Amino acid sequence: MKEKIKVAIVGYGNLGKGVESQLSKNPDMELVCIFTRRNPSKLNVKSSVPVVSLETIKDWQGKIDVVFLCGGSATDLPVQGPMVASMFNTVDSFDTHAKAPDYAKSMDEASKKAGTIAMTSIGWDPGLFSNMRLLIKSILPNSKIYTFWGDGVSQGHSDAIRRIDGVKNAIQYTLPVKEAMQKVRNGETPEFTKREMHTRLCYVVAEDGANKLEIEEKIKNMPYYFDEYDTTVNFVTEEELLESHSKLPHGGTVIGVGETTEGTKQVVEFSLNLDSNPEFTSSVLIAYARATYKMWQNGERGYKNFSDVPPKYLSDIDYNEIIKNVL
């Protein structure tokens, strides 16, 4: 019997819970433990594995093959990522596109020094959509590529709002501008600003006595998240948020428009429509954790992203079966 890949989770929010639930569909993996910054005794988890303080993570060296980093990109991963990568192979879904190069550099330094692999920015975007953008550009070198997100809840943007002083809870929806999407589907290649492609809709529960006007201004002017978009902020009660905005749907579309010969348009489209963003993102993370372990076994080290991974490494399916049933 093939030895299972031993994995652990850092962070038990929506993404961490998603990884925990989806691991049951991957029999080649075994969840060893869950690390948390909270009081472990007060964390109610579904698995029977130990829940331990993140401060004790060094004690688990040699017992874990890959660690899922499930913290937020705004403040958690920039600190936790290099720290954990200095001891373990890691996979994460860092999604602040503008800061990805700096994060990659810090993860590369930590993992190369430790002899580990740090697989970063893995999810559906960045991740699967990144792969499609590269694939389209490789096949149609003169193409223009457009990415539309939504309708759906952005976990990263929602987390960024919740970090603002005075915010008790929040959900943020990303909405594509339908007219812009249709132009691209028609084979047009306009130059869009970010504001012309997406809008952002926020539902915020404020702490008692918090300055709502100040919170709204902080949201709308937040660099990398909201300042380049038309953003609507609605303040609601916690009951209303839980009743009307407790689900986490998302999705999006990558569209490439190019020509093979002059006047011969080629439009390529890849899209997702997800009932649960964290569960799907978790599923992508698990596939890339499998690839991370295989690559580490083959002697690879340091920072990696989607473009470094042979697709066959993502699956537990036998290579001959891939040729027979998937090809």
C-alpha atoms as a PDB file:
ATOM      1  CA  MET A   1       0.000   0.000   0.000  1.00  0.00           C
ATOM      2  CA  LYS A   2       1.299   3.420  -1.008  1.00  0.00           C
ATOM      3  CA  GLU A   3       2.297   5.660   1.905  1.00  0.00           C
ATOM      4  CA  LYS A   4      -0.029   8.601   2.408  1.00  0.00           C
ATOM      5  CA  ILE A   5       1.062  12.233   2.125  1.00  0.00           C
ATOM      6  CA  LYS A   6       0.960  13.695   5.638  1.00  0.00           C
ATOM      7  CA  VAL A   7      -0.531  17.188   5.695  1.00  0.00           C
ATOM      8  CA  ALA A   8      -1.419  19.888   8.220  1.00  0.00           C
ATOM      9  CA  ILE A   9      -3.508  23.050   8.200  1.00  0.00           C
ATOM     10  CA  VAL A  10      -2.500  26.470   9.520  1.00  0.00           C
ATOM     11  CA  GLY A  11      -5.582  28.604  10.136  1.00  0.00           C
ATOM     12  CA  TYR A  12      -9.133  27.386  10.658  1.00  0.00           C
ATOM     13  CA  GLY A  13     -11.273  29.949   8.870  1.00  0.00           C
ATOM     14  CA  ASN A  14     -13.395  29.262   5.788  1.00  0.00           C
ATOM     15  CA  LEU A  15     -10.419  28.062   3.748  1.00  0.00           C
ATOM     16  CA  GLY A  16      -8.989  25.864   6.502  1.00  0.00           C
ATOM     17  CA  LYS A  17     -12.384  24.269   7.051  1.00  0.00           C
ATOM     18  CA  GLY A  18     -12.667  23.739   3.304  1.00  0.00           C
ATOM     19  CA  VAL A  19      -9.342  21.917   3.173  1.00  0.00           C
ATOM     20  CA  GLU A  20     -10.368  19.761   6.129  1.00  0.00           C
ATOM     21  CA  SER A  21     -13.641  18.735   4.460  1.00  0.00           C
ATOM     22  CA  GLN A  22     -12.173  18.111   0.995  1.00  0.00           C
ATOM     23  CA  LEU A  23      -9.284  15.965   2.234  1.00  0.00           C
ATOM     24  CA  SER A  24     -11.816  13.180   2.785  1.00  0.00           C
ATOM     25  CA  LYS A  25     -12.122  12.944  -1.015  1.00  0.00           C
ATOM     26  CA  ASN A  26      -8.374  12.422  -1.391  1.00  0.00           C
ATOM     27  CA  PRO A  27      -7.441   9.000   0.027  1.00  0.00           C
ATOM     28  CA  ASP A  28      -3.747   9.496  -0.738  1.00  0.00           C
ATOM     29  CA  MET A  29      -3.555  12.165   1.981  1.00  0.00           C
ATOM     30  CA  GLU A  30      -3.713  12.074   5.773  1.00  0.00           C
ATOM     31  CA  LEU A  31      -4.451  15.109   7.945  1.00  0.00           C
ATOM     32  CA  VAL A  32      -1.996  15.072  10.855  1.00  0.00           C
ATOM     33  CA  CYS A  33      -2.969  18.188  12.817  1.00  0.00           C
ATOM     34  CA  ILE A  34      -4.444  21.689  12.691  1.00  0.00           C
ATOM     35  CA  PHE A  35      -2.440  24.697  13.876  1.00  0.00           C
ATOM     36  CA  THR A  36      -4.170  27.773  15.239  1.00  0.00           C
ATOM     37  CA  ARG A  37      -3.310  31.125  16.821  1.00  0.00           C
ATOM     38  CA  ARG A  38      -6.420  30.821  18.944  1.00  0.00           C
ATOM     39  CA  ASN A  39      -6.841  28.760  22.105  1.00  0.00           C
ATOM     40  CA  PRO A  40      -6.735  25.191  20.724  1.00  0.00           C
ATOM     41  CA  SER A  41      -9.110  23.896  23.399  1.00  0.00           C
ATOM     42  CA  LYS A  42     -11.826  26.283  22.208  1.00  0.00           C
ATOM     43  CA  LEU A  43     -11.606  25.397  18.513  1.00  0.00           C
ATOM     44  CA  ASN A  44     -14.377  23.055  17.377  1.00  0.00           C
ATOM     45  CA  VAL A  45     -13.095  21.034  14.434  1.00  0.00           C
ATOM     46  CA  LYS A  46     -14.748  18.214  12.529  1.00  0.00           C
ATOM     47  CA  SER A  47     -11.672  15.975  12.394  1.00  0.00           C
ATOM     48  CA  SER A  48     -10.337  13.873  15.233  1.00  0.00           C
ATOM     49  CA  VAL A  49      -6.770  15.153  14.704  1.00  0.00           C
ATOM     50  CA  PRO A  50      -4.931  17.216  17.333  1.00  0.00           C
ATOM     51  CA  VAL A  51      -5.525  20.965  17.359  1.00  0.00           C
ATOM     52  CA  VAL A  52      -2.382  22.700  18.571  1.00  0.00           C
ATOM     53  CA  SER A  53      -0.943  26.166  18.982  1.00  0.00           C
ATOM     54  CA  LEU A  54       0.909  27.596  16.001  1.00  0.00           C
ATOM     55  CA  GLU A  55       3.695  28.447  18.431  1.00  0.00           C
ATOM     56  CA  THR A  56       4.490  24.714  18.683  1.00  0.00           C
ATOM     57  CA  ILE A  57       4.865  24.131  14.946  1.00  0.00           C
ATOM     58  CA  LYS A  58       8.632  23.539  15.218  1.00  0.00           C
ATOM     59  CA  ASP A  59       7.932  20.426  17.289  1.00  0.00           C
ATOM     60  CA  TRP A  60       6.202  18.826  14.281  1.00  0.00           C
ATOM     61  CA  GLN A  61       9.187  18.856  11.937  1.00  0.00           C
ATOM     62  CA  GLY A  62       9.707  15.445  10.348  1.00  0.00           C
ATOM     63  CA  LYS A  63       6.048  14.503  10.894  1.00  0.00           C
ATOM     64  CA  ILE A  64       4.428  16.540   8.105  1.00  0.00           C
ATOM     65  CA  ASP A  65       5.030  16.471   4.336  1.00  0.00           C
ATOM     66  CA  VAL A  66       3.046  19.555   3.276  1.00  0.00           C
ATOM     67  CA  VAL A  67       1.410  22.389   5.243  1.00  0.00           C
ATOM     68  CA  PHE A  68      -1.650  24.224   3.932  1.00  0.00           C
ATOM     69  CA  LEU A  69      -1.334  27.937   4.778  1.00  0.00           C
ATOM     70  CA  CYS A  70      -4.947  29.091   5.075  1.00  0.00           C
ATOM     71  CA  GLY A  71      -4.524  32.587   6.497  1.00  0.00           C
ATOM     72  CA  GLY A  72      -5.453  35.822   4.754  1.00  0.00           C
ATOM     73  CA  SER A  73      -3.213  37.481   2.182  1.00  0.00           C
ATOM     74  CA  ALA A  74      -3.457  40.946   3.725  1.00  0.00           C
ATOM     75  CA  THR A  75      -1.617  40.333   6.991  1.00  0.00           C
ATOM     76  CA  ASP A  76      -1.349  36.592   7.774  1.00  0.00           C
ATOM     77  CA  LEU A  77       0.580  35.065   4.888  1.00  0.00           C
ATOM     78  CA  PRO A  78       3.343  37.691   4.618  1.00  0.00           C
ATOM     79  CA  VAL A  79       4.340  36.741   8.184  1.00  0.00           C
ATOM     80  CA  GLN A  80       3.297  33.088   8.456  1.00  0.00           C
ATOM     81  CA  GLY A  81       4.418  32.064   4.963  1.00  0.00           C
ATOM     82  CA  PRO A  82       8.195  32.512   5.285  1.00  0.00           C
ATOM     83  CA  MET A  83       8.115  31.288   8.879  1.00  0.00           C
ATOM     84  CA  VAL A  84       6.433  27.976   8.023  1.00  0.00           C
ATOM     85  CA  ALA A  85       8.324  27.558   4.724  1.00  0.00           C
ATOM     86  CA  SER A  86      11.553  27.662   6.721  1.00  0.00           C
ATOM     87  CA  MET A  87      10.536  24.293   8.201  1.00  0.00           C
ATOM     88  CA  PHE A  88       8.006  22.594   5.899  1.00  0.00           C
ATOM     89  CA  ASN A  89       6.827  22.307   2.319  1.00  0.00           C
ATOM     90  CA  THR A  90       3.908  24.715   1.971  1.00  0.00           C
ATOM     91  CA  VAL A  91       1.065  25.568  -0.366  1.00  0.00           C
ATOM     92  CA  ASP A  92      -0.998  28.755  -0.108  1.00  0.00           C
ATOM     93  CA  SER A  93      -3.512  30.889  -2.007  1.00  0.00           C
ATOM     94  CA  PHE A  94      -1.848  34.311  -1.690  1.00  0.00           C
ATOM     95  CA  ASP A  95      -4.018  36.502  -3.921  1.00  0.00           C
ATOM     96  CA  THR A  96      -2.828  40.107  -3.716  1.00  0.00           C
ATOM     97  CA  HIS A  97      -1.619  40.262  -7.322  1.00  0.00           C
ATOM     98  CA  ALA A  98       0.356  43.498  -6.926  1.00  0.00           C
ATOM     99  CA  LYS A  99       2.330  42.137  -3.970  1.00  0.00           C
ATOM    100  CA  ALA A 100       2.900  38.629  -5.354  1.00  0.00           C
ATOM    101  CA  PRO A 101       6.492  39.300  -6.564  1.00  0.00           C
ATOM    102  CA  ASP A 102       7.621  40.493  -3.117  1.00  0.00           C
ATOM    103  CA  TYR A 103       5.892  37.571  -1.430  1.00  0.00           C
ATOM    104  CA  ALA A 104       7.463  35.141  -3.905  1.00  0.00           C
ATOM    105  CA  LYS A 105      10.913  36.519  -3.111  1.00  0.00           C
ATOM    106  CA  SER A 106      10.482  36.078   0.647  1.00  0.00           C
ATOM    107  CA  MET A 107       9.103  32.552   0.206  1.00  0.00           C
ATOM    108  CA  ASP A 108      11.918  31.622  -2.160  1.00  0.00           C
ATOM    109  CA  GLU A 109      14.584  32.750   0.308  1.00  0.00           C
ATOM    110  CA  ALA A 110      12.999  30.878   3.234  1.00  0.00           C
ATOM    111  CA  SER A 111      12.330  27.634   1.358  1.00  0.00           C
ATOM    112  CA  LYS A 112      15.668  27.400  -0.444  1.00  0.00           C
ATOM    113  CA  LYS A 113      17.533  27.901   2.809  1.00  0.00           C
ATOM    114  CA  ALA A 114      15.456  25.168   4.455  1.00  0.00           C
ATOM    115  CA  GLY A 115      15.412  22.763   1.520  1.00  0.00           C
ATOM    116  CA  THR A 116      11.634  22.925   1.146  1.00  0.00           C
ATOM    117  CA  ILE A 117       9.179  23.907  -1.586  1.00  0.00           C
ATOM    118  CA  ALA A 118       6.915  26.948  -1.195  1.00  0.00           C
ATOM    119  CA  MET A 119       4.029  26.662  -3.665  1.00  0.00           C
ATOM    120  CA  THR A 120       2.284  30.035  -3.618  1.00  0.00           C
ATOM    121  CA  SER A 121      -0.691  31.862  -5.139  1.00  0.00           C
ATOM    122  CA  ILE A 122      -2.577  28.628  -5.785  1.00  0.00           C
ATOM    123  CA  GLY A 123      -6.334  28.743  -6.128  1.00  0.00           C
ATOM    124  CA  TRP A 124      -8.598  29.505  -9.049  1.00  0.00           C
ATOM    125  CA  ASP A 125      -7.305  33.057  -9.446  1.00  0.00           C
ATOM    126  CA  PRO A 126      -4.417  33.297  -9.095  1.00  0.00           C
ATOM    127  CA  GLY A 127      -3.939  29.642  -9.990  1.00  0.00           C
ATOM    128  CA  LEU A 128      -6.214  28.007 -12.569  1.00  0.00           C
ATOM    129  CA  PHE A 129      -6.980  31.326 -14.272  1.00  0.00           C
ATOM    130  CA  SER A 130      -3.260  32.122 -14.340  1.00  0.00           C
ATOM    131  CA  ASN A 131      -2.733  28.828 -16.119  1.00  0.00           C
ATOM    132  CA  MET A 132      -5.402  29.651 -18.694  1.00  0.00           C
ATOM    133  CA  ARG A 133      -3.945  33.117 -19.333  1.00  0.00           C
ATOM    134  CA  LEU A 134      -0.538  31.560 -19.977  1.00  0.00           C
ATOM    135  CA  LEU A 135      -2.035  28.823 -22.164  1.00  0.00           C
ATOM    136  CA  ILE A 136      -4.022  31.281 -24.294  1.00  0.00           C
ATOM    137  CA  LYS A 137      -1.037  33.596 -24.686  1.00  0.00           C
ATOM    138  CA  SER A 138       1.159  30.670 -25.696  1.00  0.00           C
ATOM    139  CA  ILE A 139      -1.304  29.455 -28.355  1.00  0.00           C
ATOM    140  CA  LEU A 140      -2.347  32.925 -29.581  1.00  0.00           C
ATOM    141  CA  PRO A 141       0.740  35.119 -29.056  1.00  0.00           C
ATOM    142  CA  ASN A 142      -0.980  38.241 -30.392  1.00  0.00           C
ATOM    143  CA  SER A 143      -4.088  37.784 -28.250  1.00  0.00           C
ATOM    144  CA  LYS A 144      -5.540  40.171 -25.681  1.00  0.00           C
ATOM    145  CA  ILE A 145      -6.670  38.470 -22.501  1.00  0.00           C
ATOM    146  CA  TYR A 146      -9.417  39.683 -20.179  1.00  0.00           C
ATOM    147  CA  THR A 147     -10.331  38.346 -16.743  1.00  0.00           C
ATOM    148  CA  PHE A 148     -13.751  38.990 -15.233  1.00  0.00           C
ATOM    149  CA  TRP A 149     -14.503  37.984 -11.633  1.00  0.00           C
ATOM    150  CA  GLY A 150     -17.918  37.339 -10.139  1.00  0.00           C
ATOM    151  CA  ASP A 151     -20.669  37.478  -9.371  1.00  0.00           C
ATOM    152  CA  GLY A 152     -19.370  36.293  -6.058  1.00  0.00           C
ATOM    153  CA  VAL A 153     -17.897  36.750  -2.620  1.00  0.00           C
ATOM    154  CA  SER A 154     -14.193  37.558  -2.501  1.00  0.00           C
ATOM    155  CA  GLN A 155     -12.699  36.004   0.630  1.00  0.00           C
ATOM    156  CA  GLY A 156      -9.552  38.113   0.423  1.00  0.00           C
ATOM    157  CA  HIS A 157     -11.416  41.388   0.049  1.00  0.00           C
ATOM    158  CA  SER A 158     -13.902  40.457   2.776  1.00  0.00           C
ATOM    159  CA  ASP A 159     -11.003  39.623   5.083  1.00  0.00           C
ATOM    160  CA  ALA A 160      -9.342  42.960   4.290  1.00  0.00           C
ATOM    161  CA  ILE A 161     -12.503  44.830   5.332  1.00  0.00           C
ATOM    162  CA  ARG A 162     -12.782  42.832   8.556  1.00  0.00           C
ATOM    163  CA  ARG A 163      -9.269  43.985   9.516  1.00  0.00           C
ATOM    164  CA  ILE A 164     -10.435  47.626   9.655  1.00  0.00           C
ATOM    165  CA  ASP A 165     -10.909  49.036  13.153  1.00  0.00           C
ATOM    166  CA  GLY A 166     -14.592  49.262  14.004  1.00  0.00           C
ATOM    167  CA  VAL A 167     -15.688  46.459  11.658  1.00  0.00           C
ATOM    168  CA  LYS A 168     -17.332  43.498  13.358  1.00  0.00           C
ATOM    169  CA  ASN A 169     -18.046  41.470  10.224  1.00  0.00           C
ATOM    170  CA  ALA A 170     -18.196  42.009   6.474  1.00  0.00           C
ATOM    171  CA  ILE A 171     -18.816  40.370   3.112  1.00  0.00           C
ATOM    172  CA  GLN A 172     -17.713  41.791  -0.239  1.00  0.00           C
ATOM    173  CA  TYR A 173     -19.127  40.867  -3.643  1.00  0.00           C
ATOM    174  CA  THR A 174     -17.188  41.360  -6.853  1.00  0.00           C
ATOM    175  CA  LEU A 175     -19.432  42.030  -9.859  1.00  0.00           C
ATOM    176  CA  PRO A 176     -18.333  42.053 -13.509  1.00  0.00           C
ATOM    177  CA  VAL A 177     -19.604  44.821 -15.764  1.00  0.00           C
ATOM    178  CA  LYS A 178     -21.796  42.810 -18.146  1.00  0.00           C
ATOM    179  CA  GLU A 179     -21.488  45.244 -21.040  1.00  0.00           C
ATOM    180  CA  ALA A 180     -17.697  45.016 -20.953  1.00  0.00           C
ATOM    181  CA  MET A 181     -17.785  41.218 -20.903  1.00  0.00           C
ATOM    182  CA  GLN A 182     -20.136  41.079 -23.888  1.00  0.00           C
ATOM    183  CA  LYS A 183     -17.872  43.315 -25.968  1.00  0.00           C
ATOM    184  CA  VAL A 184     -14.990  40.887 -25.464  1.00  0.00           C
ATOM    185  CA  ARG A 185     -17.163  37.860 -26.227  1.00  0.00           C
ATOM    186  CA  ASN A 186     -18.069  39.591 -29.485  1.00  0.00           C
ATOM    187  CA  GLY A 187     -14.391  39.593 -30.406  1.00  0.00           C
ATOM    188  CA  GLU A 188     -13.716  43.241 -29.594  1.00  0.00           C
ATOM    189  CA  THR A 189     -10.429  44.178 -27.912  1.00  0.00           C
ATOM    190  CA  PRO A 190     -11.015  47.460 -26.029  1.00  0.00           C
ATOM    191  CA  GLU A 191      -8.727  48.972 -23.408  1.00  0.00           C
ATOM    192  CA  PHE A 192     -10.588  48.852 -20.097  1.00  0.00           C
ATOM    193  CA  THR A 193      -9.733  50.458 -16.786  1.00  0.00           C
ATOM    194  CA  LYS A 194     -10.300  48.308 -13.701  1.00  0.00           C
ATOM    195  CA  ARG A 195     -13.313  50.470 -12.928  1.00  0.00           C
ATOM    196  CA  GLU A 196     -14.840  49.697 -16.315  1.00  0.00           C
ATOM    197  CA  MET A 197     -14.579  45.923 -15.805  1.00  0.00           C
ATOM    198  CA  HIS A 198     -15.770  45.397 -12.208  1.00  0.00           C
ATOM    199  CA  THR A 199     -17.686  46.954  -9.373  1.00  0.00           C
ATOM    200  CA  ARG A 200     -17.481  46.066  -5.676  1.00  0.00           C
ATOM    201  CA  LEU A 201     -20.407  45.710  -3.295  1.00  0.00           C
ATOM    202  CA  CYS A 202     -19.767  45.560   0.468  1.00  0.00           C
ATOM    203  CA  TYR A 203     -22.038  44.602   3.355  1.00  0.00           C
ATOM    204  CA  VAL A 204     -20.547  45.666   6.677  1.00  0.00           C
ATOM    205  CA  VAL A 205     -21.518  45.132  10.313  1.00  0.00           C
ATOM    206  CA  ALA A 206     -20.004  47.937  12.381  1.00  0.00           C
ATOM    207  CA  GLU A 207     -19.063  47.710  16.039  1.00  0.00           C
ATOM    208  CA  ASP A 208     -21.313  49.646  18.405  1.00  0.00           C
ATOM    209  CA  GLY A 209     -20.260  53.284  18.395  1.00  0.00           C
ATOM    210  CA  ALA A 210     -17.956  52.922  15.391  1.00  0.00           C
ATOM    211  CA  ASN A 211     -17.667  55.799  12.930  1.00  0.00           C
ATOM    212  CA  LYS A 212     -19.394  54.413   9.833  1.00  0.00           C
ATOM    213  CA  LEU A 213     -18.357  57.285   7.597  1.00  0.00           C
ATOM    214  CA  GLU A 214     -14.721  56.707   8.530  1.00  0.00           C
ATOM    215  CA  ILE A 215     -15.045  52.953   7.877  1.00  0.00           C
ATOM    216  CA  GLU A 216     -16.601  53.612   4.465  1.00  0.00           C
ATOM    217  CA  GLU A 217     -13.788  55.983   3.505  1.00  0.00           C
ATOM    218  CA  LYS A 218     -11.135  53.467   4.599  1.00  0.00           C
ATOM    219  CA  ILE A 219     -12.768  50.766   2.489  1.00  0.00           C
ATOM    220  CA  LYS A 220     -13.147  52.886  -0.638  1.00  0.00           C
ATOM    221  CA  ASN A 221      -9.569  54.179  -0.445  1.00  0.00           C
ATOM    222  CA  MET A 222      -7.849  50.870   0.398  1.00  0.00           C
ATOM    223  CA  PRO A 223      -4.923  50.367  -2.025  1.00  0.00           C
ATOM    224  CA  TYR A 224      -4.901  47.189  -4.167  1.00  0.00           C
ATOM    225  CA  TYR A 225      -8.423  46.280  -3.031  1.00  0.00           C
ATOM    226  CA  PHE A 226     -10.969  49.075  -3.585  1.00  0.00           C
ATOM    227  CA  ASP A 227      -9.398  52.384  -4.582  1.00  0.00           C
ATOM    228  CA  GLU A 228      -9.552  51.707  -8.341  1.00  0.00           C
ATOM    229  CA  TYR A 229     -13.166  50.515  -8.422  1.00  0.00           C
ATOM    230  CA  ASP A 230     -16.666  51.900  -7.994  1.00  0.00           C
ATOM    231  CA  THR A 231     -17.442  50.592  -4.513  1.00  0.00           C
ATOM    232  CA  THR A 232     -20.768  50.604  -2.684  1.00  0.00           C
ATOM    233  CA  VAL A 233     -20.745  50.127   1.097  1.00  0.00           C
ATOM    234  CA  ASN A 234     -23.947  49.043   2.845  1.00  0.00           C
ATOM    235  CA  PHE A 235     -24.092  48.865   6.645  1.00  0.00           C
ATOM    236  CA  VAL A 236     -26.312  46.054   7.906  1.00  0.00           C
ATOM    237  CA  THR A 237     -27.092  44.264  11.142  1.00  0.00           C
ATOM    238  CA  GLU A 238     -25.296  41.033  11.987  1.00  0.00           C
ATOM    239  CA  GLU A 239     -28.605  39.200  11.710  1.00  0.00           C
ATOM    240  CA  GLU A 240     -29.131  40.499   8.170  1.00  0.00           C
ATOM    241  CA  LEU A 241     -25.585  39.570   7.169  1.00  0.00           C
ATOM    242  CA  LEU A 242     -26.006  36.012   8.446  1.00  0.00           C
ATOM    243  CA  GLU A 243     -29.453  35.627   6.901  1.00  0.00           C
ATOM    244  CA  SER A 244     -28.754  37.060   3.455  1.00  0.00           C
ATOM    245  CA  HIS A 245     -24.992  36.805   2.968  1.00  0.00           C
ATOM    246  CA  SER A 246     -23.802  33.640   4.714  1.00  0.00           C
ATOM    247  CA  LYS A 247     -23.058  31.662   1.544  1.00  0.00           C
ATOM    248  CA  LEU A 248     -19.771  32.018  -0.315  1.00  0.00           C
ATOM    249  CA  PRO A 249     -20.464  31.699  -4.054  1.00  0.00           C
ATOM    250  CA  HIS A 250     -18.020  32.961  -6.662  1.00  0.00           C
ATOM    251  CA  GLY A 251     -16.782  32.407 -10.175  1.00  0.00           C
ATOM    252  CA  GLY A 252     -15.324  34.180 -13.123  1.00  0.00           C
ATOM    253  CA  THR A 253     -14.263  34.089 -16.734  1.00  0.00           C
ATOM    254  CA  VAL A 254     -11.017  34.338 -18.680  1.00  0.00           C
ATOM    255  CA  ILE A 255     -11.489  35.369 -22.307  1.00  0.00           C
ATOM    256  CA  GLY A 256      -8.737  35.551 -24.892  1.00  0.00           C
ATOM    257  CA  VAL A 257      -9.245  37.270 -28.262  1.00  0.00           C
ATOM    258  CA  GLY A 258      -6.670  36.805 -30.995  1.00  0.00           C
ATOM    259  CA  GLU A 259      -6.174  36.224 -34.696  1.00  0.00           C
ATOM    260  CA  THR A 260      -4.490  33.353 -36.503  1.00  0.00           C
ATOM    261  CA  THR A 261      -4.536  34.972 -39.942  1.00  0.00           C
ATOM    262  CA  GLU A 262      -5.619  38.560 -40.524  1.00  0.00           C
ATOM    263  CA  GLY A 263      -9.349  38.871 -39.999  1.00  0.00           C
ATOM    264  CA  THR A 264      -9.676  35.338 -38.585  1.00  0.00           C
ATOM    265  CA  LYS A 265     -10.754  35.887 -34.992  1.00  0.00           C
ATOM    266  CA  GLN A 266     -10.269  33.225 -32.336  1.00  0.00           C
ATOM    267  CA  VAL A 267     -12.092  33.676 -29.020  1.00  0.00           C
ATOM    268  CA  VAL A 268     -11.134  31.347 -26.157  1.00  0.00           C
ATOM    269  CA  GLU A 269     -13.154  31.290 -22.938  1.00  0.00           C
ATOM    270  CA  PHE A 270     -12.721  29.471 -19.624  1.00  0.00           C
ATOM    271  CA  SER A 271     -15.196  30.016 -16.807  1.00  0.00           C
ATOM    272  CA  LEU A 272     -16.172  28.839 -13.338  1.00  0.00           C
ATOM    273  CA  ASN A 273     -19.495  29.045 -11.506  1.00  0.00           C
ATOM    274  CA  LEU A 274     -18.972  28.047  -7.873  1.00  0.00           C
ATOM    275  CA  ASP A 275     -21.482  27.454  -5.094  1.00  0.00           C
ATOM    276  CA  SER A 276     -18.643  27.518  -2.554  1.00  0.00           C
ATOM    277  CA  ASN A 277     -15.504  29.533  -3.186  1.00  0.00           C
ATOM    278  CA  PRO A 278     -13.558  28.150  -0.170  1.00  0.00           C
ATOM    279  CA  GLU A 279     -14.439  24.524  -0.913  1.00  0.00           C
ATOM    280  CA  PHE A 280     -13.332  24.829  -4.543  1.00  0.00           C
ATOM    281  CA  THR A 281     -10.194  26.800  -3.652  1.00  0.00           C
ATOM    282  CA  SER A 282      -9.403  24.125  -1.075  1.00  0.00           C
ATOM    283  CA  SER A 283      -9.755  21.456  -3.736  1.00  0.00           C
ATOM    284  CA  VAL A 284      -7.242  23.280  -5.933  1.00  0.00           C
ATOM    285  CA  LEU A 285      -4.838  23.645  -3.003  1.00  0.00           C
ATOM    286  CA  ILE A 286      -5.042  19.910  -2.309  1.00  0.00           C
ATOM    287  CA  ALA A 287      -4.179  19.017  -5.900  1.00  0.00           C
ATOM    288  CA  TYR A 288      -1.164  21.332  -5.823  1.00  0.00           C
ATOM    289  CA  ALA A 289      -0.097  20.006  -2.428  1.00  0.00           C
ATOM    290  CA  ARG A 290       0.097  16.586  -4.050  1.00  0.00           C
ATOM    291  CA  ALA A 291       2.241  18.075  -6.825  1.00  0.00           C
ATOM    292  CA  THR A 292       4.402  19.869  -4.257  1.00  0.00           C
ATOM    293  CA  TYR A 293       5.184  16.616  -2.505  1.00  0.00           C
ATOM    294  CA  LYS A 294       6.010  14.826  -5.765  1.00  0.00           C
ATOM    295  CA  MET A 295       8.288  17.661  -6.873  1.00  0.00           C
ATOM    296  CA  TRP A 296      10.023  17.710  -3.487  1.00  0.00           C
ATOM    297  CA  GLN A 297      10.586  13.956  -3.737  1.00  0.00           C
ATOM    298  CA  ASN A 298      12.177  14.591  -7.152  1.00  0.00           C
ATOM    299  CA  GLY A 299      14.671  16.992  -5.565  1.00  0.00           C
ATOM    300  CA  GLU A 300      13.116  20.340  -6.413  1.00  0.00           C
ATOM    301  CA  ARG A 301      13.339  23.164  -3.870  1.00  0.00           C
ATOM    302  CA  GLY A 302      12.379  26.819  -3.429  1.00  0.00           C
ATOM    303  CA  TYR A 303       9.518  28.999  -4.640  1.00  0.00           C
ATOM    304  CA  LYS A 304       7.076  27.476  -7.136  1.00  0.00           C
ATOM    305  CA  ASN A 305       3.837  28.544  -8.765  1.00  0.00           C
ATOM    306  CA  PHE A 306       1.277  27.061 -11.141  1.00  0.00           C
ATOM    307  CA  SER A 307       3.591  27.326 -14.151  1.00  0.00           C
ATOM    308  CA  ASP A 308       6.175  25.010 -12.571  1.00  0.00           C
ATOM    309  CA  VAL A 309       3.780  22.090 -12.191  1.00  0.00           C
ATOM    310  CA  PRO A 310       3.326  19.296 -14.767  1.00  0.00           C
ATOM    311  CA  PRO A 311      -0.442  18.603 -14.871  1.00  0.00           C
ATOM    312  CA  LYS A 312       0.108  14.882 -14.260  1.00  0.00           C
ATOM    313  CA  TYR A 313       1.542  15.736 -10.820  1.00  0.00           C
ATOM    314  CA  LEU A 314      -1.815  17.186  -9.739  1.00  0.00           C
ATOM    315  CA  SER A 315      -3.616  13.869  -9.890  1.00  0.00           C
ATOM    316  CA  ASP A 316      -3.424  10.602  -8.012  1.00  0.00           C
ATOM    317  CA  ILE A 317      -4.607   8.869 -11.185  1.00  0.00           C
ATOM    318  CA  ASP A 318      -2.129   6.397 -12.688  1.00  0.00           C
ATOM    319  CA  TYR A 319      -0.318   7.752 -15.757  1.00  0.00           C
ATOM    320  CA  ASN A 320      -1.524   4.864 -17.945  1.00  0.00           C
ATOM    321  CA  GLU A 321      -5.092   5.631 -16.888  1.00  0.00           C
ATOM    322  CA  ILE A 322      -4.583   9.269 -17.869  1.00  0.00           C
ATOM    323  CA  ILE A 323      -3.535   8.117 -21.340  1.00  0.00           C
ATOM    324  CA  LYS A 324      -6.448   5.686 -21.595  1.00  0.00           C
ATOM    325  CA  ASN A 325      -9.350   7.664 -20.094  1.00  0.00           C
ATOM    326  CA  VAL A 326      -8.411  11.338 -19.894  1.00  0.00           C
ATOM    327  CA  LEU A 327      -6.370  11.959 -23.043  1.00  0.00           C
END
